[in-house]
C-alpha atoms as a PDB file:
ATOM      1  CA  UNK A   1     108.946 121.702 113.550  1.00  0.00           C
ATOM      2  CA  UNK A   2     107.751 118.208 112.915  1.00  0.00           C
ATOM      3  CA  UNK A   3     108.815 114.969 114.580  1.00  0.00           C
ATOM      4  CA  UNK A   4     111.079 114.140 112.057  1.00  0.00           C
ATOM      5  CA  UNK A   5     112.830 117.580 111.601  1.00  0.00           C
ATOM      6  CA  UNK A   6     113.204 117.418 115.271  1.00  0.00           C
ATOM      7  CA  UNK A   7     114.444 113.218 114.997  1.00  0.00           C
ATOM      8  CA  UNK A   8     116.935 114.757 112.708  1.00  0.00           C
ATOM      9  CA  UNK A   9     118.420 117.745 114.703  1.00  0.00           C
ATOM     10  CA  UNK A  10     119.332 115.835 117.271  1.00  0.00           C
ATOM     11  CA  UNK A  11     120.991 112.569 115.680  1.00  0.00           C
ATOM     12  CA  UNK A  12     123.028 115.102 113.827  1.00  0.00           C
ATOM     13  CA  UNK A  13     124.028 117.029 117.176  1.00  0.00           C
ATOM     14  CA  UNK A  14     124.627 113.135 118.423  1.00  0.00           C
ATOM     15  CA  UNK A  15     127.133 112.424 115.601  1.00  0.00           C
ATOM     16  CA  UNK A  16     128.482 115.753 115.906  1.00  0.00           C
ATOM     17  CA  UNK A  17     129.190 115.323 119.834  1.00  0.00           C
ATOM     18  CA  UNK A  18     130.670 111.959 118.860  1.00  0.00           C
ATOM     19  CA  UNK A  19     133.243 113.957 117.176  1.00  0.00           C
ATOM     20  CA  UNK A  20     134.121 116.436 119.778  1.00  0.00           C
ATOM     21  CA  UNK A  21     134.273 113.734 122.158  1.00  0.00           C
ATOM     22  CA  UNK A  22     137.017 111.617 120.052  1.00  0.00           C
ATOM     23  CA  UNK A  23     138.748 114.913 119.783  1.00  0.00           C
ATOM     24  CA  UNK A  24     138.953 116.062 123.595  1.00  0.00           C
ATOM     25  CA  UNK A  25     139.209 111.987 124.542  1.00  0.00           C
ATOM     26  CA  UNK A  26     142.670 113.555 126.231  1.00  0.00           C
ATOM     27  CA  UNK A  27     140.486 116.756 128.463  1.00  0.00           C
ATOM     28  CA  UNK A  28     138.908 115.279 131.222  1.00  0.00           C
ATOM     29  CA  UNK A  29     136.746 118.224 132.330  1.00  0.00           C
ATOM     30  CA  UNK A  30     136.031 118.589 128.500  1.00  0.00           C
ATOM     31  CA  UNK A  31     135.366 114.677 127.151  1.00  0.00           C
ATOM     32  CA  UNK A  32     133.337 114.296 130.951  1.00  0.00           C
ATOM     33  CA  UNK A  33     130.869 117.737 129.872  1.00  0.00           C
ATOM     34  CA  UNK A  34     130.046 116.071 125.854  1.00  0.00           C
ATOM     35  CA  UNK A  35     129.641 112.613 127.558  1.00  0.00           C
ATOM     36  CA  UNK A  36     126.857 113.704 129.846  1.00  0.00           C
ATOM     37  CA  UNK A  37     125.505 116.271 126.595  1.00  0.00           C
ATOM     38  CA  UNK A  38     125.495 113.138 124.136  1.00  0.00           C
ATOM     39  CA  UNK A  39     123.936 110.910 126.743  1.00  0.00           C
ATOM     40  CA  UNK A  40     121.017 113.790 127.333  1.00  0.00           C
ATOM     41  CA  UNK A  41     120.807 113.829 123.285  1.00  0.00           C
ATOM     42  CA  UNK A  42     120.745 109.902 123.104  1.00  0.00           C
ATOM     43  CA  UNK A  43     117.716 110.039 126.083  1.00  0.00           C
ATOM     44  CA  UNK A  44     116.367 112.586 124.143  1.00  0.00           C
ATOM     45  CA  UNK A  45     116.230 110.522 121.044  1.00  0.00           C
ATOM     46  CA  UNK A  46     115.109 107.492 122.870  1.00  0.00           C
ATOM     47  CA  UNK A  47     112.354 109.427 123.982  1.00  0.00           C
ATOM     48  CA  UNK A  48     110.425 110.501 120.925  1.00  0.00           C
ATOM     49  CA  UNK A  49     107.281 108.284 120.022  1.00  0.00           C
ATOM     50  CA  UNK A  50     108.140 105.854 117.395  1.00  0.00           C
ATOM     51  CA  UNK A  51     104.635 107.214 115.173  1.00  0.00           C
ATOM     52  CA  UNK A  52     102.433 110.351 115.920  1.00  0.00           C
ATOM     53  CA  UNK A  53      99.023 110.918 113.958  1.00  0.00           C
ATOM     54  CA  UNK A  54      99.026 114.725 113.904  1.00  0.00           C
ATOM     55  CA  UNK A  55      97.309 115.788 110.237  1.00  0.00           C
ATOM     56  CA  UNK A  56      99.751 117.998 109.455  1.00  0.00           C
ATOM     57  CA  UNK A  57     102.294 117.645 106.499  1.00  0.00           C
ATOM     58  CA  UNK A  58     105.356 119.782 105.084  1.00  0.00           C
ATOM     59  CA  UNK A  59     105.769 119.935 100.754  1.00  0.00           C
ATOM     60  CA  UNK A  60     109.602 121.545 100.161  1.00  0.00           C
ATOM     61  CA  UNK A  61     110.402 122.431  96.914  1.00  0.00           C
ATOM     62  CA  UNK A  62     113.330 123.287  94.665  1.00  0.00           C
ATOM     63  CA  UNK A  63     114.132 123.993  90.956  1.00  0.00           C
ATOM     64  CA  UNK A  64     112.547 126.494  89.048  1.00  0.00           C
ATOM     65  CA  UNK A  65     109.691 127.696  90.457  1.00  0.00           C
ATOM     66  CA  UNK A  66     111.386 128.678  93.393  1.00  0.00           C
ATOM     67  CA  UNK A  67     113.123 131.756  94.096  1.00  0.00           C
ATOM     68  CA  UNK A  68     115.658 130.476  96.547  1.00  0.00           C
ATOM     69  CA  UNK A  69     114.019 130.385  99.977  1.00  0.00           C
ATOM     70  CA  UNK A  70     112.448 133.616  98.829  1.00  0.00           C
ATOM     71  CA  UNK A  71     109.530 132.563  97.310  1.00  0.00           C
ATOM     72  CA  UNK A  72     107.460 130.056  95.323  1.00  0.00           C
ATOM     73  CA  UNK A  73     105.218 130.529  91.944  1.00  0.00           C
ATOM     74  CA  UNK A  74     102.101 130.898  92.769  1.00  0.00           C
ATOM     75  CA  UNK A  75     100.489 129.241  89.621  1.00  0.00           C
ATOM     76  CA  UNK A  76     102.646 126.161  90.832  1.00  0.00           C
ATOM     77  CA  UNK A  77     101.029 126.093  93.994  1.00  0.00           C
ATOM     78  CA  UNK A  78      97.730 126.175  92.957  1.00  0.00           C
ATOM     79  CA  UNK A  79      98.595 123.627  89.968  1.00  0.00           C
ATOM     80  CA  UNK A  80     100.385 120.806  92.400  1.00  0.00           C
ATOM     81  CA  UNK A  81      97.814 121.335  95.573  1.00  0.00           C
ATOM     82  CA  UNK A  82      95.034 120.530  93.616  1.00  0.00           C
ATOM     83  CA  UNK A  83      95.753 116.706  92.849  1.00  0.00           C
ATOM     84  CA  UNK A  84      97.538 116.571  96.105  1.00  0.00           C
ATOM     85  CA  UNK A  85      94.806 117.087  98.204  1.00  0.00           C
ATOM     86  CA  UNK A  86      92.663 115.663  96.423  1.00  0.00           C
ATOM     87  CA  UNK A  87      94.844 112.580  96.705  1.00  0.00           C
ATOM     88  CA  UNK A  88      94.590 112.555 100.939  1.00  0.00           C
ATOM     89  CA  UNK A  89      90.803 112.781 100.393  1.00  0.00           C
ATOM     90  CA  UNK A  90      90.224 109.460  98.635  1.00  0.00           C
ATOM     91  CA  UNK A  91      92.838 108.250 100.862  1.00  0.00           C
ATOM     92  CA  UNK A  92      91.167 108.906 104.066  1.00  0.00           C
ATOM     93  CA  UNK A  93      88.158 107.168 102.502  1.00  0.00           C
ATOM     94  CA  UNK A  94      90.418 104.194 101.899  1.00  0.00           C
ATOM     95  CA  UNK A  95      91.570 104.245 105.393  1.00  0.00           C
ATOM     96  CA  UNK A  96      88.415 104.427 106.970  1.00  0.00           C
ATOM     97  CA  UNK A  97      85.889 102.297 104.720  1.00  0.00           C
ATOM     98  CA  UNK A  98      88.840 100.109 102.909  1.00  0.00           C
ATOM     99  CA  UNK A  99      87.624 100.759  99.471  1.00  0.00           C
ATOM    100  CA  UNK A 100      86.726 103.559  97.126  1.00  0.00           C
ATOM    101  CA  UNK A 101      84.912 103.613  94.438  1.00  0.00           C
ATOM    102  CA  UNK A 102      86.652 103.490  90.835  1.00  0.00           C
ATOM    103  CA  UNK A 103      84.086 106.376  89.765  1.00  0.00           C
ATOM    104  CA  UNK A 104      82.048 109.060  91.132  1.00  0.00           C
ATOM    105  CA  UNK A 105      82.106 110.533  94.825  1.00  0.00           C
ATOM    106  CA  UNK A 106      84.114 108.556  97.410  1.00  0.00           C
ATOM    107  CA  UNK A 107      82.288 107.513 100.507  1.00  0.00           C
ATOM    108  CA  UNK A 108      81.762 110.318 102.993  1.00  0.00           C
ATOM    109  CA  UNK A 109      85.075 109.752 104.866  1.00  0.00           C
ATOM    110  CA  UNK A 110      87.287 112.133 107.423  1.00  0.00           C
ATOM    111  CA  UNK A 111      86.511 116.030 106.574  1.00  0.00           C
ATOM    112  CA  UNK A 112      90.143 115.954 104.702  1.00  0.00           C
ATOM    113  CA  UNK A 113      89.771 119.359 103.811  1.00  0.00           C
ATOM    114  CA  UNK A 114      93.276 120.682 104.753  1.00  0.00           C
ATOM    115  CA  UNK A 115      94.460 124.249 105.256  1.00  0.00           C
ATOM    116  CA  UNK A 116      97.845 126.298 104.250  1.00  0.00           C
ATOM    117  CA  UNK A 117      99.096 127.012 107.721  1.00  0.00           C
ATOM    118  CA  UNK A 118     102.812 127.661 107.036  1.00  0.00           C
ATOM    119  CA  UNK A 119     105.217 128.602 104.647  1.00  0.00           C
ATOM    120  CA  UNK A 120     108.178 126.047 105.670  1.00  0.00           C
ATOM    121  CA  UNK A 121     111.986 126.844 104.029  1.00  0.00           C
ATOM    122  CA  UNK A 122     113.752 124.254 102.842  1.00  0.00           C
ATOM    123  CA  UNK A 123     114.161 125.833  99.809  1.00  0.00           C
ATOM    124  CA  UNK A 124     110.416 126.861 100.216  1.00  0.00           C
ATOM    125  CA  UNK A 125     107.200 124.879 100.842  1.00  0.00           C
ATOM    126  CA  UNK A 126     104.000 124.734 102.291  1.00  0.00           C
ATOM    127  CA  UNK A 127     102.442 123.238 105.487  1.00  0.00           C
ATOM    128  CA  UNK A 128      98.725 121.711 104.964  1.00  0.00           C
ATOM    129  CA  UNK A 129      96.964 121.087 108.050  1.00  0.00           C
ATOM    130  CA  UNK A 130      93.639 119.085 108.928  1.00  0.00           C
ATOM    131  CA  UNK A 131      91.684 122.648 110.651  1.00  0.00           C
ATOM    132  CA  UNK A 132      88.594 120.865 111.063  1.00  0.00           C
ATOM    133  CA  UNK A 133      87.484 117.511 112.689  1.00  0.00           C
ATOM    134  CA  UNK A 134      84.938 116.044 114.439  1.00  0.00           C
ATOM    135  CA  UNK A 135      87.650 113.790 116.980  1.00  0.00           C
ATOM    136  CA  UNK A 136      90.666 112.354 117.053  1.00  0.00           C
ATOM    137  CA  UNK A 137      90.254 109.348 115.478  1.00  0.00           C
ATOM    138  CA  UNK A 138      89.159 111.491 112.536  1.00  0.00           C
ATOM    139  CA  UNK A 139      92.478 112.981 112.656  1.00  0.00           C
ATOM    140  CA  UNK A 140      94.377 109.944 113.257  1.00  0.00           C
ATOM    141  CA  UNK A 141      92.614 108.916 109.797  1.00  0.00           C
ATOM    142  CA  UNK A 142      93.505 111.577 107.757  1.00  0.00           C
ATOM    143  CA  UNK A 143      97.247 111.857 109.405  1.00  0.00           C
ATOM    144  CA  UNK A 144      97.616 107.954 108.468  1.00  0.00           C
ATOM    145  CA  UNK A 145      95.918 108.936 104.343  1.00  0.00           C
ATOM    146  CA  UNK A 146      98.918 111.723 104.355  1.00  0.00           C
ATOM    147  CA  UNK A 147     101.342 109.124 105.350  1.00  0.00           C
ATOM    148  CA  UNK A 148     100.360 106.633 103.067  1.00  0.00           C
ATOM    149  CA  UNK A 149     100.077 109.268 100.278  1.00  0.00           C
ATOM    150  CA  UNK A 150     103.481 110.045 100.561  1.00  0.00           C
ATOM    151  CA  UNK A 151     104.407 106.593 100.331  1.00  0.00           C
ATOM    152  CA  UNK A 152     102.839 106.321  97.297  1.00  0.00           C
ATOM    153  CA  UNK A 153     104.645 109.168  95.792  1.00  0.00           C
ATOM    154  CA  UNK A 154     107.988 107.548  96.750  1.00  0.00           C
ATOM    155  CA  UNK A 155     106.986 103.941  95.709  1.00  0.00           C
ATOM    156  CA  UNK A 156     106.446 105.398  92.341  1.00  0.00           C
ATOM    157  CA  UNK A 157     110.017 106.970  92.170  1.00  0.00           C
ATOM    158  CA  UNK A 158     111.694 103.794  93.126  1.00  0.00           C
ATOM    159  CA  UNK A 159     111.038 101.213  90.239  1.00  0.00           C
ATOM    160  CA  UNK A 160     108.665  99.545  87.625  1.00  0.00           C
ATOM    161  CA  UNK A 161     108.332  96.615  90.241  1.00  0.00           C
ATOM    162  CA  UNK A 162     108.097  98.580  93.690  1.00  0.00           C
ATOM    163  CA  UNK A 163     105.062 100.814  91.913  1.00  0.00           C
ATOM    164  CA  UNK A 164     103.120  98.373  90.578  1.00  0.00           C
ATOM    165  CA  UNK A 165     103.092  96.915  93.946  1.00  0.00           C
ATOM    166  CA  UNK A 166     102.120  99.753  95.269  1.00  0.00           C
ATOM    167  CA  UNK A 167      98.991 100.292  93.345  1.00  0.00           C
ATOM    168  CA  UNK A 168      97.432  97.189  94.072  1.00  0.00           C
ATOM    169  CA  UNK A 169      95.058  98.750  96.615  1.00  0.00           C
ATOM    170  CA  UNK A 170      95.337 102.033  95.530  1.00  0.00           C
ATOM    171  CA  UNK A 171      91.781 104.112  93.923  1.00  0.00           C
ATOM    172  CA  UNK A 172      92.170 104.593  90.179  1.00  0.00           C
ATOM    173  CA  UNK A 173      91.057 108.515  90.538  1.00  0.00           C
ATOM    174  CA  UNK A 174      94.630 108.509  93.250  1.00  0.00           C
ATOM    175  CA  UNK A 175      96.217 107.593  89.761  1.00  0.00           C
ATOM    176  CA  UNK A 176      95.161 109.755  88.084  1.00  0.00           C
ATOM    177  CA  UNK A 177      95.781 112.212  90.426  1.00  0.00           C
ATOM    178  CA  UNK A 178      99.249 111.225  91.106  1.00  0.00           C
ATOM    179  CA  UNK A 179     100.168 111.629  87.432  1.00  0.00           C
ATOM    180  CA  UNK A 180      98.652 115.705  87.656  1.00  0.00           C
ATOM    181  CA  UNK A 181     101.036 115.931  90.654  1.00  0.00           C
ATOM    182  CA  UNK A 182     104.303 114.497  89.328  1.00  0.00           C
ATOM    183  CA  UNK A 183     104.174 116.653  86.208  1.00  0.00           C
ATOM    184  CA  UNK A 184     103.622 119.581  87.672  1.00  0.00           C
ATOM    185  CA  UNK A 185     107.005 118.865  89.435  1.00  0.00           C
ATOM    186  CA  UNK A 186     108.744 117.603  86.591  1.00  0.00           C
ATOM    187  CA  UNK A 187     108.113 120.102  84.807  1.00  0.00           C
ATOM    188  CA  UNK A 188     109.725 122.697  86.808  1.00  0.00           C
ATOM    189  CA  UNK A 189     112.907 120.411  87.570  1.00  0.00           C
ATOM    190  CA  UNK A 190     111.970 120.548  91.275  1.00  0.00           C
ATOM    191  CA  UNK A 191     113.207 117.634  94.371  1.00  0.00           C
ATOM    192  CA  UNK A 192     110.535 117.476  96.822  1.00  0.00           C
ATOM    193  CA  UNK A 193     110.679 116.752 100.814  1.00  0.00           C
ATOM    194  CA  UNK A 194     107.762 115.379 102.340  1.00  0.00           C
ATOM    195  CA  UNK A 195     107.330 115.420 106.307  1.00  0.00           C
ATOM    196  CA  UNK A 196     104.631 114.116 108.177  1.00  0.00           C
ATOM    197  CA  UNK A 197     104.416 113.232 111.735  1.00  0.00           C
ATOM    198  CA  UNK A 198     107.898 111.313 112.594  1.00  0.00           C
ATOM    199  CA  UNK A 199     107.862 110.490 108.359  1.00  0.00           C
ATOM    200  CA  UNK A 200     110.136 112.434 106.254  1.00  0.00           C
ATOM    201  CA  UNK A 201     110.888 111.399 102.736  1.00  0.00           C
ATOM    202  CA  UNK A 202     113.281 113.139  99.557  1.00  0.00           C
ATOM    203  CA  UNK A 203     113.187 112.796  95.839  1.00  0.00           C
ATOM    204  CA  UNK A 204     115.352 114.032  94.114  1.00  0.00           C
ATOM    205  CA  UNK A 205     115.198 116.372  90.568  1.00  0.00           C
ATOM    206  CA  UNK A 206     115.515 112.992  88.005  1.00  0.00           C
ATOM    207  CA  UNK A 207     113.497 110.293  89.768  1.00  0.00           C
ATOM    208  CA  UNK A 208     110.557 112.870  90.584  1.00  0.00           C
ATOM    209  CA  UNK A 209     110.977 112.387  86.763  1.00  0.00           C
ATOM    210  CA  UNK A 210     111.502 108.565  86.157  1.00  0.00           C
ATOM    211  CA  UNK A 211     108.147 108.733  88.241  1.00  0.00           C
ATOM    212  CA  UNK A 212     106.420 111.148  85.935  1.00  0.00           C
ATOM    213  CA  UNK A 213     107.244 108.989  83.016  1.00  0.00           C
ATOM    214  CA  UNK A 214     106.362 105.695  84.782  1.00  0.00           C
ATOM    215  CA  UNK A 215     102.871 106.647  85.824  1.00  0.00           C
ATOM    216  CA  UNK A 216     102.429 108.825  82.277  1.00  0.00           C
ATOM    217  CA  UNK A 217     102.875 105.269  80.929  1.00  0.00           C
ATOM    218  CA  UNK A 218     100.444 103.672  83.293  1.00  0.00           C
ATOM    219  CA  UNK A 219      96.481 102.992  81.253  1.00  0.00           C
ATOM    220  CA  UNK A 220      93.305 102.658  82.799  1.00  0.00           C
ATOM    221  CA  UNK A 221      91.164 101.308  80.730  1.00  0.00           C
ATOM    222  CA  UNK A 222      87.321 100.047  82.269  1.00  0.00           C
ATOM    223  CA  UNK A 223      84.488  98.627  80.133  1.00  0.00           C
ATOM    224  CA  UNK A 224      81.289  97.130  81.267  1.00  0.00           C
ATOM    225  CA  UNK A 225      80.012  93.084  80.716  1.00  0.00           C
ATOM    226  CA  UNK A 226      77.172  91.411  82.396  1.00  0.00           C
ATOM    227  CA  UNK A 227      78.192  87.538  82.677  1.00  0.00           C
ATOM    228  CA  UNK A 228      75.936  84.322  83.624  1.00  0.00           C
ATOM    229  CA  UNK A 229      77.101  83.179  87.266  1.00  0.00           C
ATOM    230  CA  UNK A 230      76.450  81.828  91.105  1.00  0.00           C
ATOM    231  CA  UNK A 231      76.625  84.245  93.686  1.00  0.00           C
ATOM    232  CA  UNK A 232      78.854  83.464  96.882  1.00  0.00           C
ATOM    233  CA  UNK A 233      78.355  86.688  98.942  1.00  0.00           C
ATOM    234  CA  UNK A 234      79.012  90.042 100.339  1.00  0.00           C
ATOM    235  CA  UNK A 235      81.199  91.019 102.797  1.00  0.00           C
ATOM    236  CA  UNK A 236      79.375  94.219 103.559  1.00  0.00           C
ATOM    237  CA  UNK A 237      81.749  95.973 106.117  1.00  0.00           C
ATOM    238  CA  UNK A 238      84.621  95.765 103.431  1.00  0.00           C
ATOM    239  CA  UNK A 239      82.415  96.344 100.628  1.00  0.00           C
ATOM    240  CA  UNK A 240      83.232  93.269  98.634  1.00  0.00           C
ATOM    241  CA  UNK A 241      81.576  90.525  96.291  1.00  0.00           C
ATOM    242  CA  UNK A 242      82.046  86.873  95.117  1.00  0.00           C
ATOM    243  CA  UNK A 243      80.792  85.356  92.847  1.00  0.00           C
ATOM    244  CA  UNK A 244      81.290  82.244  90.071  1.00  0.00           C
ATOM    245  CA  UNK A 245      81.595  82.191  86.649  1.00  0.00           C
ATOM    246  CA  UNK A 246      79.727  80.207  84.009  1.00  0.00           C
ATOM    247  CA  UNK A 247      83.358  78.172  83.884  1.00  0.00           C
ATOM    248  CA  UNK A 248      83.805  77.613  88.427  1.00  0.00           C
ATOM    249  CA  UNK A 249      85.777  81.019  87.997  1.00  0.00           C
ATOM    250  CA  UNK A 250      85.495  82.705  91.461  1.00  0.00           C
ATOM    251  CA  UNK A 251      85.313  86.085  90.553  1.00  0.00           C
ATOM    252  CA  UNK A 252      85.757  88.726  93.371  1.00  0.00           C
ATOM    253  CA  UNK A 253      85.692  92.967  93.679  1.00  0.00           C
ATOM    254  CA  UNK A 254      84.257  95.692  95.630  1.00  0.00           C
ATOM    255  CA  UNK A 255      80.851  96.465  95.186  1.00  0.00           C
ATOM    256  CA  UNK A 256      79.962 100.186  93.590  1.00  0.00           C
ATOM    257  CA  UNK A 257      78.840 102.904  95.133  1.00  0.00           C
ATOM    258  CA  UNK A 258      75.430 103.228  93.572  1.00  0.00           C
ATOM    259  CA  UNK A 259      74.193 100.027  95.336  1.00  0.00           C
ATOM    260  CA  UNK A 260      72.514 100.602  98.839  1.00  0.00           C
ATOM    261  CA  UNK A 261      72.386  98.313 101.652  1.00  0.00           C
ATOM    262  CA  UNK A 262      69.069  97.346 101.582  1.00  0.00           C
ATOM    263  CA  UNK A 263      69.699  96.374  97.539  1.00  0.00           C
ATOM    264  CA  UNK A 264      72.967  94.201  98.032  1.00  0.00           C
ATOM    265  CA  UNK A 265      70.093  92.390 101.065  1.00  0.00           C
ATOM    266  CA  UNK A 266      67.385  92.010  98.959  1.00  0.00           C
ATOM    267  CA  UNK A 267      70.832  89.872  96.355  1.00  0.00           C
ATOM    268  CA  UNK A 268      71.390  88.162  98.684  1.00  0.00           C
ATOM    269  CA  UNK A 269      68.466  87.256  99.291  1.00  0.00           C
ATOM    270  CA  UNK A 270      66.991  85.938  96.078  1.00  0.00           C
ATOM    271  CA  UNK A 271      69.965  85.004  94.176  1.00  0.00           C
ATOM    272  CA  UNK A 272      72.494  83.446  97.049  1.00  0.00           C
ATOM    273  CA  UNK A 273      74.048  80.414  95.299  1.00  0.00           C
ATOM    274  CA  UNK A 274      72.231  80.504  92.512  1.00  0.00           C
ATOM    275  CA  UNK A 275      72.497  81.214  88.911  1.00  0.00           C
ATOM    276  CA  UNK A 276      72.330  84.889  87.921  1.00  0.00           C
ATOM    277  CA  UNK A 277      73.060  87.834  85.298  1.00  0.00           C
ATOM    278  CA  UNK A 278      75.667  89.806  87.128  1.00  0.00           C
ATOM    279  CA  UNK A 279      76.152  93.311  85.821  1.00  0.00           C
ATOM    280  CA  UNK A 280      80.206  94.271  86.580  1.00  0.00           C
ATOM    281  CA  UNK A 281      82.532  97.157  85.899  1.00  0.00           C
ATOM    282  CA  UNK A 282      86.113  95.542  84.959  1.00  0.00           C
ATOM    283  CA  UNK A 283      89.097  97.830  85.194  1.00  0.00           C
ATOM    284  CA  UNK A 284      91.868  96.839  83.993  1.00  0.00           C
ATOM    285  CA  UNK A 285      95.225  98.380  84.127  1.00  0.00           C
ATOM    286  CA  UNK A 286      97.951  97.956  82.255  1.00  0.00           C
ATOM    287  CA  UNK A 287     102.121  99.368  83.018  1.00  0.00           C
ATOM    288  CA  UNK A 288     104.628  99.693  80.887  1.00  0.00           C
ATOM    289  CA  UNK A 289     106.275  96.609  81.922  1.00  0.00           C
ATOM    290  CA  UNK A 290     103.693  95.053  79.339  1.00  0.00           C
ATOM    291  CA  UNK A 291     101.781  93.720  83.011  1.00  0.00           C
ATOM    292  CA  UNK A 292      98.363  93.833  83.173  1.00  0.00           C
ATOM    293  CA  UNK A 293      95.984  94.600  87.348  1.00  0.00           C
ATOM    294  CA  UNK A 294      92.579  93.444  86.584  1.00  0.00           C
ATOM    295  CA  UNK A 295      89.594  94.687  89.068  1.00  0.00           C
ATOM    296  CA  UNK A 296      85.786  94.684  89.100  1.00  0.00           C
ATOM    297  CA  UNK A 297      83.335  96.014  90.776  1.00  0.00           C
ATOM    298  CA  UNK A 298      79.718  95.146  91.385  1.00  0.00           C
ATOM    299  CA  UNK A 299      76.424  97.310  89.525  1.00  0.00           C
ATOM    300  CA  UNK A 300      73.924  95.251  89.791  1.00  0.00           C
ATOM    301  CA  UNK A 301      72.222  91.470  89.825  1.00  0.00           C
ATOM    302  CA  UNK A 302      69.223  90.216  88.166  1.00  0.00           C
ATOM    303  CA  UNK A 303      67.540  86.819  87.218  1.00  0.00           C
ATOM    304  CA  UNK A 304      68.549  84.819  84.073  1.00  0.00           C
END
């Protein structure tokens, strides 16, 4: 049972015990017994850790994909878990490195391969766990990524404004996988419940549908350009760059995975604070609100 489920169970018992106390206030023996029980439950609640980073997540569904608490369509699980697994993998790399390239493979992050380890009922669902971990730090990274993906799904269901803010630091490949994930759930008219550690999220059928249309209406475009400008510098640990174009406008973004650290050091030596030809990939995200977000990816630098 997840920490979230345990906390909710204790909270429910506290509420029931408080109600019983009100009913037996004139019965000294029962009142004292229930008072002790309430104190014990409150102590249990207080002693629960505030956060738990266990790389385990439960997804529970209802709707047309589920037959009560008996079973769930295997085709639905297959279509739904693949994009969800990919989101966890990409987000795990983001947790470790702080950036993920728009194309190609993500940097080698934690081992985020998940295994089906249980079939929780509520109505029916799956439990996914990381079983092959090299260290505790890696487990924390994957657990953190799980919670971030849960919040991304939740934010997509809230409003246009919340969603647009949420994807400020979301890798582009997660946006496409999020759309596939939500589409499969919306088509089966399903509720989804997600639990990981102390975090629990439930999204209604109508909000899942809203989330899918919101994400589906988001258009991601990209093109490549060569511009003349001045290299201002690199941040190797975070994978970021800063340049200044010919109009003195500062542009910053992420460095492409195709550029090695040795190449970056050479670029820094040859072009820092000098005019040069800069190769950029420009990503534009257009939302259904007509708002736009532009990201830049450095592909290369050469002499003018």
